[in-house]
Amino acid sequence: MVQKARRPSGAAQARTQSRTFGLPFGRTNLILFGAGIAAIVLGFITLAFGSDTLAPVLLVLGYCVIVPAAIIWKEKRKTEGDQT
C-alpha cells in the first residue's frame, strides 16, 4: 500500500518559511565585541608584565562589561516615518 507524504500544517509551514538565516549582530555589536576582546588581550598582556592593578581592571571590564554589552545591545530600527 502506498502512502501519500503528509504536508505540514499551516502553523508548521509558517514556522519553516519565516526563518531567515543571517548575522543577528549589527556593526555596533561587532565593534563592541572587538573592543572587549582587545581589553581582554591587553589585560592578559599587562598581567604577564606584572601589573597588579591595571590587568584585573581590564579583564573585568572586558569580560563583565564590554562583551555582555556587545551581546545585549540592540540597534534601533528605523521605521518609514522616521526622518532622523
C-alpha atoms as a PDB file:
ATOM      1  CA  MET A   1       0.000   0.000   0.000  1.00  0.00           C
ATOM      2  CA  VAL A   2       1.426   3.373  -0.988  1.00  0.00           C
ATOM      3  CA  GLN A   3       1.059   6.211   1.491  1.00  0.00           C
ATOM      4  CA  LYS A   4       0.966   9.828   0.488  1.00  0.00           C
ATOM      5  CA  ALA A   5       3.524  12.143   2.009  1.00  0.00           C
ATOM      6  CA  ARG A   6       1.920  14.457   4.559  1.00  0.00           C
ATOM      7  CA  ARG A   7       2.227  18.156   4.021  1.00  0.00           C
ATOM      8  CA  PRO A   8       2.949  20.294   7.080  1.00  0.00           C
ATOM      9  CA  SER A   9       0.013  22.052   8.660  1.00  0.00           C
ATOM     10  CA  GLY A  10      -0.405  25.809   8.356  1.00  0.00           C
ATOM     11  CA  ALA A  11       1.440  26.637  11.599  1.00  0.00           C
ATOM     12  CA  ALA A  12       4.363  24.311  10.847  1.00  0.00           C
ATOM     13  CA  GLN A  13       4.620  25.647   7.325  1.00  0.00           C
ATOM     14  CA  ALA A  14       4.640  29.248   8.585  1.00  0.00           C
ATOM     15  CA  ARG A  15       7.436  28.406  11.035  1.00  0.00           C
ATOM     16  CA  THR A  16       9.649  26.957   8.335  1.00  0.00           C
ATOM     17  CA  GLN A  17       9.036  29.793   5.906  1.00  0.00           C
ATOM     18  CA  SER A  18       9.604  32.630   8.394  1.00  0.00           C
ATOM     19  CA  ARG A  19      13.111  31.518   9.366  1.00  0.00           C
ATOM     20  CA  THR A  20      15.795  33.595   7.759  1.00  0.00           C
ATOM     21  CA  PHE A  21      19.428  32.912   8.383  1.00  0.00           C
ATOM     22  CA  GLY A  22      21.629  35.905   8.818  1.00  0.00           C
ATOM     23  CA  LEU A  23      24.009  37.525  11.214  1.00  0.00           C
ATOM     24  CA  PRO A  24      21.987  38.683  14.221  1.00  0.00           C
ATOM     25  CA  PHE A  25      24.556  41.302  15.237  1.00  0.00           C
ATOM     26  CA  GLY A  26      24.989  44.674  13.656  1.00  0.00           C
ATOM     27  CA  ARG A  27      28.017  46.874  13.179  1.00  0.00           C
ATOM     28  CA  THR A  28      27.829  48.363  16.690  1.00  0.00           C
ATOM     29  CA  ASN A  29      27.741  44.891  18.248  1.00  0.00           C
ATOM     30  CA  LEU A  30      30.827  43.819  16.350  1.00  0.00           C
ATOM     31  CA  ILE A  31      32.725  46.994  17.301  1.00  0.00           C
ATOM     32  CA  LEU A  32      31.848  46.498  20.975  1.00  0.00           C
ATOM     33  CA  PHE A  33      32.837  42.845  20.802  1.00  0.00           C
ATOM     34  CA  GLY A  34      36.174  43.773  19.220  1.00  0.00           C
ATOM     35  CA  ALA A  35      36.776  46.352  21.947  1.00  0.00           C
ATOM     36  CA  GLY A  36      36.002  43.713  24.575  1.00  0.00           C
ATOM     37  CA  ILE A  37      38.437  41.249  23.031  1.00  0.00           C
ATOM     38  CA  ALA A  38      41.075  43.990  22.824  1.00  0.00           C
ATOM     39  CA  ALA A  39      40.574  44.838  26.513  1.00  0.00           C
ATOM     40  CA  ILE A  40      40.897  41.170  27.465  1.00  0.00           C
ATOM     41  CA  VAL A  41      44.057  40.666  25.403  1.00  0.00           C
ATOM     42  CA  LEU A  42      45.554  43.877  26.764  1.00  0.00           C
ATOM     43  CA  GLY A  43      44.642  42.723  30.278  1.00  0.00           C
ATOM     44  CA  PHE A  44      46.493  39.440  29.830  1.00  0.00           C
ATOM     45  CA  ILE A  45      49.493  41.237  28.334  1.00  0.00           C
ATOM     46  CA  THR A  46      49.689  43.638  31.271  1.00  0.00           C
ATOM     47  CA  LEU A  47      49.251  40.674  33.632  1.00  0.00           C
ATOM     48  CA  ALA A  48      52.244  38.976  32.028  1.00  0.00           C
ATOM     49  CA  PHE A  49      54.343  42.092  32.656  1.00  0.00           C
ATOM     50  CA  GLY A  50      53.403  42.082  36.346  1.00  0.00           C
ATOM     51  CA  SER A  51      50.749  44.775  36.642  1.00  0.00           C
ATOM     52  CA  ASP A  52      48.714  44.142  39.777  1.00  0.00           C
ATOM     53  CA  THR A  53      46.154  46.905  39.282  1.00  0.00           C
ATOM     54  CA  LEU A  54      45.645  47.579  35.577  1.00  0.00           C
ATOM     55  CA  ALA A  55      45.389  43.951  34.463  1.00  0.00           C
ATOM     56  CA  PRO A  56      42.445  42.941  36.681  1.00  0.00           C
ATOM     57  CA  VAL A  57      40.609  46.152  35.814  1.00  0.00           C
ATOM     58  CA  LEU A  58      40.988  45.495  32.077  1.00  0.00           C
ATOM     59  CA  LEU A  59      39.988  41.842  32.421  1.00  0.00           C
ATOM     60  CA  VAL A  60      36.884  42.586  34.491  1.00  0.00           C
ATOM     61  CA  LEU A  61      35.963  45.433  32.149  1.00  0.00           C
ATOM     62  CA  GLY A  62      36.337  43.168  29.103  1.00  0.00           C
ATOM     63  CA  TYR A  63      34.646  40.053  30.486  1.00  0.00           C
ATOM     64  CA  CYS A  64      31.923  41.609  32.637  1.00  0.00           C
ATOM     65  CA  VAL A  65      31.045  44.874  30.908  1.00  0.00           C
ATOM     66  CA  ILE A  66      32.036  45.196  27.257  1.00  0.00           C
ATOM     67  CA  VAL A  67      31.416  41.662  25.912  1.00  0.00           C
ATOM     68  CA  PRO A  68      27.977  41.325  27.593  1.00  0.00           C
ATOM     69  CA  ALA A  69      27.079  44.812  26.345  1.00  0.00           C
ATOM     70  CA  ALA A  70      28.012  43.701  22.820  1.00  0.00           C
ATOM     71  CA  ILE A  71      25.681  40.714  23.130  1.00  0.00           C
ATOM     72  CA  ILE A  72      22.776  42.644  24.658  1.00  0.00           C
ATOM     73  CA  TRP A  73      22.953  45.814  22.526  1.00  0.00           C
ATOM     74  CA  LYS A  74      20.130  46.212  20.012  1.00  0.00           C
ATOM     75  CA  GLU A  75      20.095  48.748  17.239  1.00  0.00           C
ATOM     76  CA  LYS A  76      17.049  50.957  16.946  1.00  0.00           C
ATOM     77  CA  ARG A  77      15.246  50.104  13.753  1.00  0.00           C
ATOM     78  CA  LYS A  78      14.214  52.993  11.581  1.00  0.00           C
ATOM     79  CA  THR A  79      10.624  52.993  10.505  1.00  0.00           C
ATOM     80  CA  GLU A  80       9.454  54.556   7.296  1.00  0.00           C
ATOM     81  CA  GLY A  81       8.008  57.542   9.158  1.00  0.00           C
ATOM     82  CA  ASP A  82      11.260  58.433  10.958  1.00  0.00           C
ATOM     83  CA  GLN A  83      13.385  61.046   9.264  1.00  0.00           C
ATOM     84  CA  THR A  84      16.128  61.300  11.922  1.00  0.00           C
END
